[in-house]
PDB file of N, CA and C in Angstrom:
ATOM      1  N   MET A   1       0.847  -1.160   0.000  1.00  0.00           N
ATOM      2  CA  MET A   1       0.000   0.000   0.000  1.00  0.00           C
ATOM      3  C   MET A   1       0.901   1.234   0.000  1.00  0.00           C
ATOM      4  N   SER A   2       0.647   2.124  -0.917  1.00  0.00           N
ATOM      5  CA  SER A   2       1.482   3.310  -1.046  1.00  0.00           C
ATOM      6  C   SER A   2       1.028   4.399  -0.071  1.00  0.00           C
ATOM      7  N   ILE A   3       1.858   5.399   0.076  1.00  0.00           N
ATOM      8  CA  ILE A   3       1.537   6.525   0.944  1.00  0.00           C
ATOM      9  C   ILE A   3       0.275   7.237   0.450  1.00  0.00           C
ATOM     10  N   THR A   4       0.140   7.354  -0.860  1.00  0.00           N
ATOM     11  CA  THR A   4      -1.030   8.026  -1.426  1.00  0.00           C
ATOM     12  C   THR A   4      -2.314   7.289  -1.073  1.00  0.00           C
ATOM     13  N   SER A   5      -2.317   5.979  -1.201  1.00  0.00           N
ATOM     14  CA  SER A   5      -3.531   5.224  -0.895  1.00  0.00           C
ATOM     15  C   SER A   5      -3.848   5.266   0.600  1.00  0.00           C
ATOM     16  N   ILE A   6      -2.835   5.310   1.441  1.00  0.00           N
ATOM     17  CA  ILE A   6      -3.069   5.433   2.881  1.00  0.00           C
ATOM     18  C   ILE A   6      -3.676   6.796   3.204  1.00  0.00           C
ATOM     19  N   LEU A   7      -3.164   7.848   2.569  1.00  0.00           N
ATOM     20  CA  LEU A   7      -3.716   9.183   2.788  1.00  0.00           C
ATOM     21  C   LEU A   7      -5.163   9.274   2.303  1.00  0.00           C
ATOM     22  N   ILE A   8      -5.453   8.673   1.173  1.00  0.00           N
ATOM     23  CA  ILE A   8      -6.821   8.674   0.658  1.00  0.00           C
ATOM     24  C   ILE A   8      -7.736   7.915   1.601  1.00  0.00           C
ATOM     25  N   LEU A   9      -7.275   6.779   2.117  1.00  0.00           N
ATOM     26  CA  LEU A   9      -8.057   6.005   3.074  1.00  0.00           C
ATOM     27  C   LEU A   9      -8.357   6.833   4.325  1.00  0.00           C
ATOM     28  N   LEU A  10      -7.366   7.544   4.838  1.00  0.00           N
ATOM     29  CA  LEU A  10      -7.569   8.375   6.020  1.00  0.00           C
ATOM     30  C   LEU A  10      -8.519   9.535   5.743  1.00  0.00           C
ATOM     31  N   ILE A  11      -8.396  10.153   4.580  1.00  0.00           N
ATOM     32  CA  ILE A  11      -9.270  11.280   4.234  1.00  0.00           C
ATOM     33  C   ILE A  11     -10.708  10.807   4.048  1.00  0.00           C
ATOM     34  N   VAL A  12     -10.891   9.700   3.334  1.00  0.00           N
ATOM     35  CA  VAL A  12     -12.239   9.148   3.147  1.00  0.00           C
ATOM     36  C   VAL A  12     -12.820   8.758   4.503  1.00  0.00           C
ATOM     37  N   GLY A  13     -12.015   8.120   5.342  1.00  0.00           N
ATOM     38  CA  GLY A  13     -12.474   7.742   6.678  1.00  0.00           C
ATOM     39  C   GLY A  13     -12.857   8.941   7.515  1.00  0.00           C
ATOM     40  N   LEU A  14     -12.059   9.987   7.459  1.00  0.00           N
ATOM     41  CA  LEU A  14     -12.348  11.200   8.233  1.00  0.00           C
ATOM     42  C   LEU A  14     -13.641  11.847   7.769  1.00  0.00           C
ATOM     43  N   VAL A  15     -13.789  12.004   6.464  1.00  0.00           N
ATOM     44  CA  VAL A  15     -15.001  12.657   5.928  1.00  0.00           C
ATOM     45  C   VAL A  15     -16.237  11.815   6.240  1.00  0.00           C
ATOM     46  N   ALA A  16     -16.164  10.512   6.001  1.00  0.00           N
ATOM     47  CA  ALA A  16     -17.321   9.649   6.240  1.00  0.00           C
ATOM     48  C   ALA A  16     -17.649   9.568   7.731  1.00  0.00           C
ATOM     49  N   GLY A  17     -16.637   9.463   8.576  1.00  0.00           N
ATOM     50  CA  GLY A  17     -16.872   9.413  10.020  1.00  0.00           C
ATOM     51  C   GLY A  17     -17.463  10.704  10.550  1.00  0.00           C
ATOM     52  N   TRP A  18     -16.951  11.835  10.049  1.00  0.00           N
ATOM     53  CA  TRP A  18     -17.482  13.130  10.472  1.00  0.00           C
ATOM     54  C   TRP A  18     -18.938  13.291  10.022  1.00  0.00           C
ATOM     55  N   LEU A  19     -19.216  12.953   8.753  1.00  0.00           N
ATOM     56  CA  LEU A  19     -20.590  13.053   8.246  1.00  0.00           C
ATOM     57  C   LEU A  19     -21.537  12.147   9.029  1.00  0.00           C
ATOM     58  N   ALA A  20     -21.082  10.937   9.329  1.00  0.00           N
ATOM     59  CA  ALA A  20     -21.915  10.013  10.107  1.00  0.00           C
ATOM     60  C   ALA A  20     -22.175  10.579  11.500  1.00  0.00           C
ATOM     61  N   GLY A  21     -21.155  11.167  12.117  1.00  0.00           N
ATOM     62  CA  GLY A  21     -21.346  11.776  13.426  1.00  0.00           C
ATOM     63  C   GLY A  21     -22.316  12.936  13.385  1.00  0.00           C
ATOM     64  N   VAL A  22     -22.221  13.755  12.345  1.00  0.00           N
ATOM     65  CA  VAL A  22     -23.134  14.895  12.201  1.00  0.00           C
ATOM     66  C   VAL A  22     -24.562  14.406  11.992  1.00  0.00           C
ATOM     67  N   ILE A  23     -24.738  13.387  11.165  1.00  0.00           N
ATOM     68  CA  ILE A  23     -26.074  12.850  10.908  1.00  0.00           C
ATOM     69  C   ILE A  23     -26.611  12.156  12.156  1.00  0.00           C
ATOM     70  N   TRP A  24     -25.762  11.400  12.845  1.00  0.00           N
ATOM     71  CA  TRP A  24     -26.223  10.578  13.957  1.00  0.00           C
ATOM     72  C   TRP A  24     -26.480  11.389  15.218  1.00  0.00           C
ATOM     73  N   LYS A  25     -25.540  12.278  15.600  1.00  0.00           N
ATOM     74  CA  LYS A  25     -25.705  12.980  16.870  1.00  0.00           C
ATOM     75  C   LYS A  25     -25.595  14.497  16.758  1.00  0.00           C
ATOM     76  N   GLY A  26     -25.393  15.032  15.581  1.00  0.00           N
ATOM     77  CA  GLY A  26     -25.350  16.472  15.404  1.00  0.00           C
ATOM     78  C   GLY A  26     -23.959  17.074  15.399  1.00  0.00           C
ATOM     79  N   SER A  27     -22.953  16.295  15.732  1.00  0.00           N
ATOM     80  CA  SER A  27     -21.561  16.765  15.684  1.00  0.00           C
ATOM     81  C   SER A  27     -20.658  15.553  15.514  1.00  0.00           C
ATOM     82  N   GLY A  28     -19.417  15.816  15.171  1.00  0.00           N
ATOM     83  CA  GLY A  28     -18.467  14.724  15.006  1.00  0.00           C
ATOM     84  C   GLY A  28     -18.054  14.150  16.355  1.00  0.00           C
ATOM     85  N   TYR A  29     -17.264  13.078  16.315  1.00  0.00           N
ATOM     86  CA  TYR A  29     -16.798  12.413  17.528  1.00  0.00           C
ATOM     87  C   TYR A  29     -15.360  12.787  17.873  1.00  0.00           C
ATOM     88  N   GLY A  30     -14.766  13.682  17.141  1.00  0.00           N
ATOM     89  CA  GLY A  30     -13.358  14.019  17.318  1.00  0.00           C
ATOM     90  C   GLY A  30     -12.556  13.405  16.188  1.00  0.00           C
ATOM     91  N   LEU A  31     -11.401  13.956  15.926  1.00  0.00           N
ATOM     92  CA  LEU A  31     -10.596  13.567  14.764  1.00  0.00           C
ATOM     93  C   LEU A  31     -10.297  12.076  14.728  1.00  0.00           C
ATOM     94  N   VAL A  32      -9.768  11.538  15.807  1.00  0.00           N
ATOM     95  CA  VAL A  32      -9.366  10.127  15.813  1.00  0.00           C
ATOM     96  C   VAL A  32     -10.568   9.210  15.683  1.00  0.00           C
ATOM     97  N   TRP A  33     -11.629   9.466  16.452  1.00  0.00           N
ATOM     98  CA  TRP A  33     -12.810   8.602  16.383  1.00  0.00           C
ATOM     99  C   TRP A  33     -13.534   8.728  15.045  1.00  0.00           C
ATOM    100  N   ASP A  34     -13.548   9.922  14.462  1.00  0.00           N
ATOM    101  CA  ASP A  34     -14.149  10.075  13.133  1.00  0.00           C
ATOM    102  C   ASP A  34     -13.408   9.218  12.113  1.00  0.00           C
ATOM    103  N   ILE A  35     -12.080   9.215  12.176  1.00  0.00           N
ATOM    104  CA  ILE A  35     -11.293   8.397  11.249  1.00  0.00           C
ATOM    105  C   ILE A  35     -11.552   6.914  11.481  1.00  0.00           C
ATOM    106  N   ILE A  36     -11.565   6.491  12.741  1.00  0.00           N
ATOM    107  CA  ILE A  36     -11.794   5.075  13.051  1.00  0.00           C
ATOM    108  C   ILE A  36     -13.178   4.637  12.591  1.00  0.00           C
ATOM    109  N   ILE A  37     -14.196   5.425  12.918  1.00  0.00           N
ATOM    110  CA  ILE A  37     -15.568   5.098  12.504  1.00  0.00           C
ATOM    111  C   ILE A  37     -15.670   5.063  10.987  1.00  0.00           C
ATOM    112  N   GLY A  38     -15.045   6.015  10.308  1.00  0.00           N
ATOM    113  CA  GLY A  38     -15.102   6.072   8.845  1.00  0.00           C
ATOM    114  C   GLY A  38     -14.385   4.910   8.183  1.00  0.00           C
ATOM    115  N   ILE A  39     -13.218   4.520   8.710  1.00  0.00           N
ATOM    116  CA  ILE A  39     -12.474   3.409   8.107  1.00  0.00           C
ATOM    117  C   ILE A  39     -13.207   2.097   8.319  1.00  0.00           C
ATOM    118  N   ILE A  40     -13.687   1.840   9.532  1.00  0.00           N
ATOM    119  CA  ILE A  40     -14.470   0.622   9.761  1.00  0.00           C
ATOM    120  C   ILE A  40     -15.743   0.666   8.923  1.00  0.00           C
ATOM    121  N   GLY A  41     -16.363   1.836   8.845  1.00  0.00           N
ATOM    122  CA  GLY A  41     -17.553   2.000   8.021  1.00  0.00           C
ATOM    123  C   GLY A  41     -17.296   1.752   6.551  1.00  0.00           C
ATOM    124  N   SER A  42     -16.094   2.101   6.084  1.00  0.00           N
ATOM    125  CA  SER A  42     -15.791   1.862   4.669  1.00  0.00           C
ATOM    126  C   SER A  42     -15.719   0.375   4.367  1.00  0.00           C
ATOM    127  N   PHE A  43     -15.200  -0.416   5.299  1.00  0.00           N
ATOM    128  CA  PHE A  43     -15.184  -1.864   5.094  1.00  0.00           C
ATOM    129  C   PHE A  43     -16.598  -2.436   5.112  1.00  0.00           C
ATOM    130  N   ILE A  44     -17.407  -1.974   6.057  1.00  0.00           N
ATOM    131  CA  ILE A  44     -18.795  -2.436   6.138  1.00  0.00           C
ATOM    132  C   ILE A  44     -19.571  -2.010   4.894  1.00  0.00           C
ATOM    133  N   GLY A  45     -19.431  -0.744   4.521  1.00  0.00           N
ATOM    134  CA  GLY A  45     -20.138  -0.233   3.345  1.00  0.00           C
ATOM    135  C   GLY A  45     -19.717  -0.917   2.061  1.00  0.00           C
ATOM    136  N   SER A  46     -18.421  -1.165   1.906  1.00  0.00           N
ATOM    137  CA  SER A  46     -17.939  -1.872   0.708  1.00  0.00           C
ATOM    138  C   SER A  46     -18.493  -3.284   0.647  1.00  0.00           C
ATOM    139  N   PHE A  47     -18.577  -3.947   1.804  1.00  0.00           N
ATOM    140  CA  PHE A  47     -19.130  -5.299   1.851  1.00  0.00           C
ATOM    141  C   PHE A  47     -20.604  -5.288   1.462  1.00  0.00           C
ATOM    142  N   ILE A  48     -21.366  -4.358   2.039  1.00  0.00           N
ATOM    143  CA  ILE A  48     -22.800  -4.278   1.744  1.00  0.00           C
ATOM    144  C   ILE A  48     -23.035  -3.907   0.285  1.00  0.00           C
ATOM    145  N   PHE A  49     -22.296  -2.912  -0.210  1.00  0.00           N
ATOM    146  CA  PHE A  49     -22.447  -2.531  -1.613  1.00  0.00           C
ATOM    147  C   PHE A  49     -22.059  -3.683  -2.530  1.00  0.00           C
ATOM    148  N   GLY A  50     -21.051  -4.449  -2.155  1.00  0.00           N
ATOM    149  CA  GLY A  50     -20.645  -5.613  -2.948  1.00  0.00           C
ATOM    150  C   GLY A  50     -21.747  -6.659  -3.014  1.00  0.00           C
ATOM    151  N   LEU A  51     -22.429  -6.871  -1.882  1.00  0.00           N
ATOM    152  CA  LEU A  51     -23.543  -7.814  -1.874  1.00  0.00           C
ATOM    153  C   LEU A  51     -24.676  -7.362  -2.779  1.00  0.00           C
ATOM    154  N   LEU A  52     -24.852  -6.046  -2.877  1.00  0.00           N
ATOM    155  CA  LEU A  52     -25.901  -5.490  -3.723  1.00  0.00           C
ATOM    156  C   LEU A  52     -25.471  -5.329  -5.180  1.00  0.00           C
ATOM    157  N   GLY A  53     -24.203  -5.595  -5.469  1.00  0.00           N
ATOM    158  CA  GLY A  53     -23.693  -5.468  -6.827  1.00  0.00           C
ATOM    159  C   GLY A  53     -23.359  -4.040  -7.219  1.00  0.00           C
ATOM    160  N   ILE A  54     -23.153  -3.175  -6.244  1.00  0.00           N
ATOM    161  CA  ILE A  54     -22.839  -1.771  -6.499  1.00  0.00           C
ATOM    162  C   ILE A  54     -21.351  -1.556  -6.278  1.00  0.00           C
ATOM    163  N   ARG A  55     -20.687  -0.888  -7.213  1.00  0.00           N
ATOM    164  CA  ARG A  55     -19.260  -0.595  -7.092  1.00  0.00           C
ATOM    165  C   ARG A  55     -19.050   0.911  -7.005  1.00  0.00           C
ATOM    166  N   ALA A  56     -18.152   1.329  -6.137  1.00  0.00           N
ATOM    167  CA  ALA A  56     -17.812   2.747  -5.997  1.00  0.00           C
ATOM    168  C   ALA A  56     -16.513   2.995  -6.760  1.00  0.00           C
ATOM    169  N   TYR A  57     -16.594   3.730  -7.858  1.00  0.00           N
ATOM    170  CA  TYR A  57     -15.425   3.966  -8.704  1.00  0.00           C
ATOM    171  C   TYR A  57     -14.752   5.312  -8.442  1.00  0.00           C
ATOM    172  N   THR A  58     -15.457   6.238  -7.817  1.00  0.00           N
ATOM    173  CA  THR A  58     -14.893   7.564  -7.585  1.00  0.00           C
ATOM    174  C   THR A  58     -14.707   7.793  -6.093  1.00  0.00           C
ATOM    175  N   ILE A  59     -14.059   8.887  -5.761  1.00  0.00           N
ATOM    176  CA  ILE A  59     -13.853   9.230  -4.356  1.00  0.00           C
ATOM    177  C   ILE A  59     -15.192   9.534  -3.683  1.00  0.00           C
ATOM    178  N   ILE A  60     -16.112  10.145  -4.421  1.00  0.00           N
ATOM    179  CA  ILE A  60     -17.448  10.430  -3.873  1.00  0.00           C
ATOM    180  C   ILE A  60     -18.186   9.128  -3.591  1.00  0.00           C
ATOM    181  N   GLY A  61     -18.073   8.173  -4.497  1.00  0.00           N
ATOM    182  CA  GLY A  61     -18.686   6.864  -4.288  1.00  0.00           C
ATOM    183  C   GLY A  61     -18.100   6.158  -3.080  1.00  0.00           C
ATOM    184  N   SER A  62     -16.803   6.286  -2.892  1.00  0.00           N
ATOM    185  CA  SER A  62     -16.149   5.689  -1.728  1.00  0.00           C
ATOM    186  C   SER A  62     -16.633   6.334  -0.439  1.00  0.00           C
ATOM    187  N   ILE A  63     -16.807   7.649  -0.457  1.00  0.00           N
ATOM    188  CA  ILE A  63     -17.300   8.349   0.732  1.00  0.00           C
ATOM    189  C   ILE A  63     -18.732   7.939   1.033  1.00  0.00           C
ATOM    190  N   VAL A  64     -19.560   7.795   0.001  1.00  0.00           N
ATOM    191  CA  VAL A  64     -20.954   7.376   0.206  1.00  0.00           C
ATOM    192  C   VAL A  64     -20.999   5.964   0.796  1.00  0.00           C
ATOM    193  N   ALA A  65     -20.210   5.052   0.243  1.00  0.00           N
ATOM    194  CA  ALA A  65     -20.172   3.685   0.770  1.00  0.00           C
ATOM    195  C   ALA A  65     -19.686   3.680   2.212  1.00  0.00           C
ATOM    196  N   ALA A  66     -18.654   4.450   2.510  1.00  0.00           N
ATOM    197  CA  ALA A  66     -18.133   4.522   3.872  1.00  0.00           C
ATOM    198  C   ALA A  66     -19.152   5.163   4.809  1.00  0.00           C
ATOM    199  N   LEU A  67     -19.878   6.165   4.334  1.00  0.00           N
ATOM    200  CA  LEU A  67     -20.902   6.815   5.144  1.00  0.00           C
ATOM    201  C   LEU A  67     -22.023   5.840   5.493  1.00  0.00           C
ATOM    202  N   VAL A  68     -22.473   5.076   4.522  1.00  0.00           N
ATOM    203  CA  VAL A  68     -23.531   4.084   4.779  1.00  0.00           C
ATOM    204  C   VAL A  68     -23.037   3.062   5.811  1.00  0.00           C
ATOM    205  N   GLY A  69     -21.811   2.592   5.635  1.00  0.00           N
ATOM    206  CA  GLY A  69     -21.251   1.641   6.585  1.00  0.00           C
ATOM    207  C   GLY A  69     -21.060   2.246   7.961  1.00  0.00           C
ATOM    208  N   ALA A  70     -20.623   3.502   8.032  1.00  0.00           N
ATOM    209  CA  ALA A  70     -20.413   4.159   9.321  1.00  0.00           C
ATOM    210  C   ALA A  70     -21.747   4.372  10.042  1.00  0.00           C
ATOM    211  N   LEU A  71     -22.775   4.747   9.306  1.00  0.00           N
ATOM    212  CA  LEU A  71     -24.091   4.904   9.925  1.00  0.00           C
ATOM    213  C   LEU A  71     -24.612   3.566  10.440  1.00  0.00           C
ATOM    214  N   LEU A  72     -24.403   2.516   9.690  1.00  0.00           N
ATOM    215  CA  LEU A  72     -24.801   1.192  10.139  1.00  0.00           C
ATOM    216  C   LEU A  72     -24.015   0.793  11.390  1.00  0.00           C
ATOM    217  N   LEU A  73     -22.723   1.091  11.410  1.00  0.00           N
ATOM    218  CA  LEU A  73     -21.885   0.814  12.578  1.00  0.00           C
ATOM    219  C   LEU A  73     -22.391   1.574  13.801  1.00  0.00           C
ATOM    220  N   LEU A  74     -22.701   2.856  13.654  1.00  0.00           N
ATOM    221  CA  LEU A  74     -23.213   3.647  14.775  1.00  0.00           C
ATOM    222  C   LEU A  74     -24.567   3.124  15.248  1.00  0.00           C
ATOM    223  N   PHE A  75     -25.399   2.665  14.326  1.00  0.00           N
ATOM    224  CA  PHE A  75     -26.681   2.080  14.695  1.00  0.00           C
ATOM    225  C   PHE A  75     -26.478   0.820  15.528  1.00  0.00           C
ATOM    226  N   ILE A  76     -25.579  -0.047  15.075  1.00  0.00           N
ATOM    227  CA  ILE A  76     -25.301  -1.296  15.800  1.00  0.00           C
ATOM    228  C   ILE A  76     -24.732  -0.997  17.191  1.00  0.00           C
ATOM    229  N   ILE A  77     -23.803  -0.042  17.257  1.00  0.00           N
ATOM    230  CA  ILE A  77     -23.204   0.315  18.539  1.00  0.00           C
ATOM    231  C   ILE A  77     -24.264   0.862  19.490  1.00  0.00           C
ATOM    232  N   SER A  78     -25.171   1.677  18.990  1.00  0.00           N
ATOM    233  CA  SER A  78     -26.220   2.238  19.864  1.00  0.00           C
ATOM    234  C   SER A  78     -27.142   1.148  20.388  1.00  0.00           C
ATOM    235  N   LYS A  79     -27.416   0.125  19.587  1.00  0.00           N
ATOM    236  CA  LYS A  79     -28.278  -0.962  20.030  1.00  0.00           C
ATOM    237  C   LYS A  79     -27.555  -1.868  21.032  1.00  0.00           C
ATOM    238  N   VAL A  80     -26.265  -2.074  20.857  1.00  0.00           N
ATOM    239  CA  VAL A  80     -25.490  -2.917  21.762  1.00  0.00           C
ATOM    240  C   VAL A  80     -25.315  -2.220  23.117  1.00  0.00           C
ATOM    241  N   LYS A  81     -25.146  -0.909  23.106  1.00  0.00           N
ATOM    242  CA  LYS A  81     -24.954  -0.156  24.351  1.00  0.00           C
ATOM    243  C   LYS A  81     -26.192  -0.184  25.244  1.00  0.00           C
ATOM    244  N   LYS A  82     -27.367  -0.328  24.655  1.00  0.00           N
ATOM    245  CA  LYS A  82     -28.612  -0.340  25.443  1.00  0.00           C
ATOM    246  C   LYS A  82     -28.798  -1.660  26.055  1.00  0.00           C
TER     247      LYS A  82
END
């Protein structure tokens, strides 16, 4: 994995995690947690999109997939915490 792909992964994770935090609770969770939520969400979102036969070819598509996965992750975490 090159430095460029790692930076893109971190940026996509940050944007998706921040957006998920804003949608879910009205604000982000902080820089580190936004990145963690976004990166885990990108794996979840890519898996779900793959099951549906949808491929993300652009950076916007990657952010959307990561956002869907991050929102699903936050939903699961909220249900487990209760």
